[in-house]
Amino acid sequence: MSISQELLEILACPKCKGEIHLNASASGLVCDACRLVYPIRDDIPVMLIDEATKLD
């Protein structure tokens, strides 16, 4: 199961409040403005700034 489009429309980056989108492998949510990737674990997005990794 993946993240629904409805949920993606509601979620925002917790750091800048900007738009996010799924990465190519659908394993994380990307904020292009902050250059961060928020992980998705067990089909649940982890929207904690401390858990995010920098986008390569």
PDB file of N, CA and C in Angstrom:
ATOM      1  N   MET A   1       0.844  -1.180   0.000  1.00  0.00           N
ATOM      2  CA  MET A   1       0.000   0.000   0.000  1.00  0.00           C
ATOM      3  C   MET A   1       0.887   1.240   0.000  1.00  0.00           C
ATOM      4  N   SER A   2       0.491   2.222  -0.739  1.00  0.00           N
ATOM      5  CA  SER A   2       1.286   3.448  -0.796  1.00  0.00           C
ATOM      6  C   SER A   2       0.487   4.624  -0.231  1.00  0.00           C
ATOM      7  N   ILE A   3       1.130   5.753  -0.183  1.00  0.00           N
ATOM      8  CA  ILE A   3       0.492   6.962   0.330  1.00  0.00           C
ATOM      9  C   ILE A   3      -0.561   7.420  -0.677  1.00  0.00           C
ATOM     10  N   SER A   4      -1.756   7.706  -0.205  1.00  0.00           N
ATOM     11  CA  SER A   4      -2.830   8.127  -1.104  1.00  0.00           C
ATOM     12  C   SER A   4      -2.599   9.558  -1.586  1.00  0.00           C
ATOM     13  N   GLN A   5      -3.153   9.863  -2.738  1.00  0.00           N
ATOM     14  CA  GLN A   5      -3.037  11.199  -3.300  1.00  0.00           C
ATOM     15  C   GLN A   5      -3.700  12.231  -2.389  1.00  0.00           C
ATOM     16  N   GLU A   6      -4.798  11.846  -1.744  1.00  0.00           N
ATOM     17  CA  GLU A   6      -5.483  12.757  -0.818  1.00  0.00           C
ATOM     18  C   GLU A   6      -4.573  13.149   0.340  1.00  0.00           C
ATOM     19  N   LEU A   7      -3.841  12.186   0.881  1.00  0.00           N
ATOM     20  CA  LEU A   7      -2.924  12.468   1.980  1.00  0.00           C
ATOM     21  C   LEU A   7      -1.776  13.354   1.510  1.00  0.00           C
ATOM     22  N   LEU A   8      -1.251  13.086   0.308  1.00  0.00           N
ATOM     23  CA  LEU A   8      -0.167  13.907  -0.227  1.00  0.00           C
ATOM     24  C   LEU A   8      -0.589  15.366  -0.386  1.00  0.00           C
ATOM     25  N   GLU A   9      -1.851  15.598  -0.738  1.00  0.00           N
ATOM     26  CA  GLU A   9      -2.349  16.960  -0.899  1.00  0.00           C
ATOM     27  C   GLU A   9      -2.456  17.689   0.434  1.00  0.00           C
ATOM     28  N   ILE A  10      -2.644  16.954   1.518  1.00  0.00           N
ATOM     29  CA  ILE A  10      -2.799  17.548   2.848  1.00  0.00           C
ATOM     30  C   ILE A  10      -1.453  17.801   3.511  1.00  0.00           C
ATOM     31  N   LEU A  11      -0.518  16.866   3.344  1.00  0.00           N
ATOM     32  CA  LEU A  11       0.774  16.962   4.025  1.00  0.00           C
ATOM     33  C   LEU A  11       1.612  18.120   3.503  1.00  0.00           C
ATOM     34  N   ALA A  12       2.387  18.705   4.400  1.00  0.00           N
ATOM     35  CA  ALA A  12       3.317  19.777   4.044  1.00  0.00           C
ATOM     36  C   ALA A  12       4.612  19.557   4.807  1.00  0.00           C
ATOM     37  N   CYS A  13       5.672  20.134   4.320  1.00  0.00           N
ATOM     38  CA  CYS A  13       6.960  20.044   4.990  1.00  0.00           C
ATOM     39  C   CYS A  13       6.852  20.711   6.361  1.00  0.00           C
ATOM     40  N   PRO A  14       7.243  20.016   7.420  1.00  0.00           N
ATOM     41  CA  PRO A  14       7.148  20.613   8.752  1.00  0.00           C
ATOM     42  C   PRO A  14       8.149  21.758   8.979  1.00  0.00           C
ATOM     43  N   LYS A  15       9.177  21.831   8.169  1.00  0.00           N
ATOM     44  CA  LYS A  15      10.189  22.866   8.342  1.00  0.00           C
ATOM     45  C   LYS A  15       9.778  24.184   7.672  1.00  0.00           C
ATOM     46  N   CYS A  16       9.368  24.112   6.389  1.00  0.00           N
ATOM     47  CA  CYS A  16       9.059  25.332   5.643  1.00  0.00           C
ATOM     48  C   CYS A  16       7.588  25.470   5.281  1.00  0.00           C
ATOM     49  N   LYS A  17       6.805  24.438   5.569  1.00  0.00           N
ATOM     50  CA  LYS A  17       5.373  24.392   5.249  1.00  0.00           C
ATOM     51  C   LYS A  17       5.107  24.345   3.743  1.00  0.00           C
ATOM     52  N   GLY A  18       6.137  23.969   2.978  1.00  0.00           N
ATOM     53  CA  GLY A  18       6.014  23.890   1.528  1.00  0.00           C
ATOM     54  C   GLY A  18       5.468  22.542   1.067  1.00  0.00           C
ATOM     55  N   GLU A  19       5.318  22.429  -0.243  1.00  0.00           N
ATOM     56  CA  GLU A  19       4.791  21.201  -0.845  1.00  0.00           C
ATOM     57  C   GLU A  19       5.831  20.086  -0.796  1.00  0.00           C
ATOM     58  N   ILE A  20       5.318  18.862  -0.692  1.00  0.00           N
ATOM     59  CA  ILE A  20       6.170  17.681  -0.723  1.00  0.00           C
ATOM     60  C   ILE A  20       5.647  16.723  -1.779  1.00  0.00           C
ATOM     61  N   HIS A  21       6.496  15.807  -2.217  1.00  0.00           N
ATOM     62  CA  HIS A  21       6.094  14.796  -3.196  1.00  0.00           C
ATOM     63  C   HIS A  21       6.858  13.511  -2.919  1.00  0.00           C
ATOM     64  N   LEU A  22       6.348  12.413  -3.442  1.00  0.00           N
ATOM     65  CA  LEU A  22       7.006  11.121  -3.286  1.00  0.00           C
ATOM     66  C   LEU A  22       8.298  11.089  -4.082  1.00  0.00           C
ATOM     67  N   ASN A  23       9.311  10.421  -3.533  1.00  0.00           N
ATOM     68  CA  ASN A  23      10.535  10.227  -4.314  1.00  0.00           C
ATOM     69  C   ASN A  23      10.313   9.096  -5.314  1.00  0.00           C
ATOM     70  N   ALA A  24      11.274   8.869  -6.175  1.00  0.00           N
ATOM     71  CA  ALA A  24      11.118   7.900  -7.262  1.00  0.00           C
ATOM     72  C   ALA A  24      10.838   6.482  -6.762  1.00  0.00           C
ATOM     73  N   SER A  25      11.420   6.102  -5.636  1.00  0.00           N
ATOM     74  CA  SER A  25      11.231   4.746  -5.114  1.00  0.00           C
ATOM     75  C   SER A  25      10.025   4.637  -4.177  1.00  0.00           C
ATOM     76  N   ALA A  26       9.331   5.756  -3.938  1.00  0.00           N
ATOM     77  CA  ALA A  26       8.164   5.816  -3.045  1.00  0.00           C
ATOM     78  C   ALA A  26       8.514   5.413  -1.612  1.00  0.00           C
ATOM     79  N   SER A  27       9.777   5.650  -1.227  1.00  0.00           N
ATOM     80  CA  SER A  27      10.208   5.315   0.128  1.00  0.00           C
ATOM     81  C   SER A  27      10.330   6.545   1.017  1.00  0.00           C
ATOM     82  N   GLY A  28      10.041   7.715   0.450  1.00  0.00           N
ATOM     83  CA  GLY A  28      10.148   8.942   1.220  1.00  0.00           C
ATOM     84  C   GLY A  28       9.413  10.089   0.563  1.00  0.00           C
ATOM     85  N   LEU A  29       9.208  11.143   1.334  1.00  0.00           N
ATOM     86  CA  LEU A  29       8.557  12.361   0.854  1.00  0.00           C
ATOM     87  C   LEU A  29       9.616  13.453   0.762  1.00  0.00           C
ATOM     88  N   VAL A  30       9.680  14.105  -0.370  1.00  0.00           N
ATOM     89  CA  VAL A  30      10.729  15.067  -0.663  1.00  0.00           C
ATOM     90  C   VAL A  30      10.194  16.494  -0.582  1.00  0.00           C
ATOM     91  N   CYS A  31      10.958  17.347   0.086  1.00  0.00           N
ATOM     92  CA  CYS A  31      10.726  18.787   0.059  1.00  0.00           C
ATOM     93  C   CYS A  31      11.882  19.388  -0.730  1.00  0.00           C
ATOM     94  N   ASP A  32      11.590  19.889  -1.937  1.00  0.00           N
ATOM     95  CA  ASP A  32      12.646  20.456  -2.778  1.00  0.00           C
ATOM     96  C   ASP A  32      13.191  21.752  -2.201  1.00  0.00           C
ATOM     97  N   ALA A  33      12.361  22.533  -1.530  1.00  0.00           N
ATOM     98  CA  ALA A  33      12.802  23.813  -0.972  1.00  0.00           C
ATOM     99  C   ALA A  33      13.841  23.607   0.132  1.00  0.00           C
ATOM    100  N   CYS A  34      13.605  22.654   1.022  1.00  0.00           N
ATOM    101  CA  CYS A  34      14.525  22.387   2.138  1.00  0.00           C
ATOM    102  C   CYS A  34      15.595  21.364   1.774  1.00  0.00           C
ATOM    103  N   ARG A  35      15.393  20.662   0.639  1.00  0.00           N
ATOM    104  CA  ARG A  35      16.292  19.590   0.210  1.00  0.00           C
ATOM    105  C   ARG A  35      16.359  18.474   1.256  1.00  0.00           C
ATOM    106  N   LEU A  36      15.166  18.098   1.780  1.00  0.00           N
ATOM    107  CA  LEU A  36      15.057  17.033   2.773  1.00  0.00           C
ATOM    108  C   LEU A  36      14.152  15.929   2.270  1.00  0.00           C
ATOM    109  N   VAL A  37      14.421  14.703   2.747  1.00  0.00           N
ATOM    110  CA  VAL A  37      13.573  13.549   2.455  1.00  0.00           C
ATOM    111  C   VAL A  37      13.069  13.001   3.780  1.00  0.00           C
ATOM    112  N   TYR A  38      11.756  12.961   3.924  1.00  0.00           N
ATOM    113  CA  TYR A  38      11.124  12.404   5.118  1.00  0.00           C
ATOM    114  C   TYR A  38      10.786  10.942   4.833  1.00  0.00           C
ATOM    115  N   PRO A  39      11.230  10.015   5.685  1.00  0.00           N
ATOM    116  CA  PRO A  39      11.029   8.590   5.406  1.00  0.00           C
ATOM    117  C   PRO A  39       9.575   8.156   5.557  1.00  0.00           C
ATOM    118  N   ILE A  40       9.246   7.062   4.870  1.00  0.00           N
ATOM    119  CA  ILE A  40       7.952   6.402   5.033  1.00  0.00           C
ATOM    120  C   ILE A  40       8.251   5.030   5.601  1.00  0.00           C
ATOM    121  N   ARG A  41       7.739   4.759   6.792  1.00  0.00           N
ATOM    122  CA  ARG A  41       7.965   3.467   7.458  1.00  0.00           C
ATOM    123  C   ARG A  41       6.631   2.787   7.697  1.00  0.00           C
ATOM    124  N   ASP A  42       6.508   1.559   7.245  1.00  0.00           N
ATOM    125  CA  ASP A  42       5.262   0.786   7.393  1.00  0.00           C
ATOM    126  C   ASP A  42       4.076   1.572   6.872  1.00  0.00           C
ATOM    127  N   ASP A  43       4.239   2.219   5.708  1.00  0.00           N
ATOM    128  CA  ASP A  43       3.202   3.010   5.040  1.00  0.00           C
ATOM    129  C   ASP A  43       2.775   4.245   5.825  1.00  0.00           C
ATOM    130  N   ILE A  44       3.594   4.688   6.775  1.00  0.00           N
ATOM    131  CA  ILE A  44       3.299   5.884   7.578  1.00  0.00           C
ATOM    132  C   ILE A  44       4.420   6.891   7.369  1.00  0.00           C
ATOM    133  N   PRO A  45       4.088   8.096   6.869  1.00  0.00           N
ATOM    134  CA  PRO A  45       5.128   9.109   6.718  1.00  0.00           C
ATOM    135  C   PRO A  45       5.604   9.627   8.069  1.00  0.00           C
ATOM    136  N   VAL A  46       6.919   9.676   8.233  1.00  0.00           N
ATOM    137  CA  VAL A  46       7.518  10.175   9.473  1.00  0.00           C
ATOM    138  C   VAL A  46       7.899  11.637   9.215  1.00  0.00           C
ATOM    139  N   MET A  47       7.035  12.558   9.640  1.00  0.00           N
ATOM    140  CA  MET A  47       7.198  13.975   9.330  1.00  0.00           C
ATOM    141  C   MET A  47       7.892  14.716  10.476  1.00  0.00           C
ATOM    142  N   LEU A  48       9.028  14.186  10.893  1.00  0.00           N
ATOM    143  CA  LEU A  48       9.833  14.816  11.940  1.00  0.00           C
ATOM    144  C   LEU A  48      11.115  15.344  11.306  1.00  0.00           C
ATOM    145  N   ILE A  49      11.424  16.605  11.564  1.00  0.00           N
ATOM    146  CA  ILE A  49      12.618  17.210  10.967  1.00  0.00           C
ATOM    147  C   ILE A  49      13.870  16.432  11.359  1.00  0.00           C
ATOM    148  N   ASP A  50      13.932  15.950  12.587  1.00  0.00           N
ATOM    149  CA  ASP A  50      15.107  15.200  13.056  1.00  0.00           C
ATOM    150  C   ASP A  50      15.286  13.868  12.351  1.00  0.00           C
ATOM    151  N   GLU A  51      14.220  13.317  11.811  1.00  0.00           N
ATOM    152  CA  GLU A  51      14.269  12.024  11.105  1.00  0.00           C
ATOM    153  C   GLU A  51      14.566  12.174   9.617  1.00  0.00           C
ATOM    154  N   ALA A  52      14.483  13.383   9.098  1.00  0.00           N
ATOM    155  CA  ALA A  52      14.692  13.624   7.659  1.00  0.00           C
ATOM    156  C   ALA A  52      16.169  13.498   7.315  1.00  0.00           C
ATOM    157  N   THR A  53      16.420  13.115   6.067  1.00  0.00           N
ATOM    158  CA  THR A  53      17.781  13.059   5.555  1.00  0.00           C
ATOM    159  C   THR A  53      17.928  14.096   4.449  1.00  0.00           C
ATOM    160  N   LYS A  54      19.161  14.530   4.229  1.00  0.00           N
ATOM    161  CA  LYS A  54      19.407  15.517   3.183  1.00  0.00           C
ATOM    162  C   LYS A  54      19.291  14.868   1.810  1.00  0.00           C
ATOM    163  N   LEU A  55      18.700  15.602   0.885  1.00  0.00           N
ATOM    164  CA  LEU A  55      18.544  15.136  -0.481  1.00  0.00           C
ATOM    165  C   LEU A  55      19.891  15.204  -1.175  1.00  0.00           C
ATOM    166  N   ASP A  56      20.264  14.124  -1.873  1.00  0.00           N
ATOM    167  CA  ASP A  56      21.569  14.078  -2.563  1.00  0.00           C
ATOM    168  C   ASP A  56      21.561  14.926  -3.806  1.00  0.00           C
TER     169      ASP A  56
END
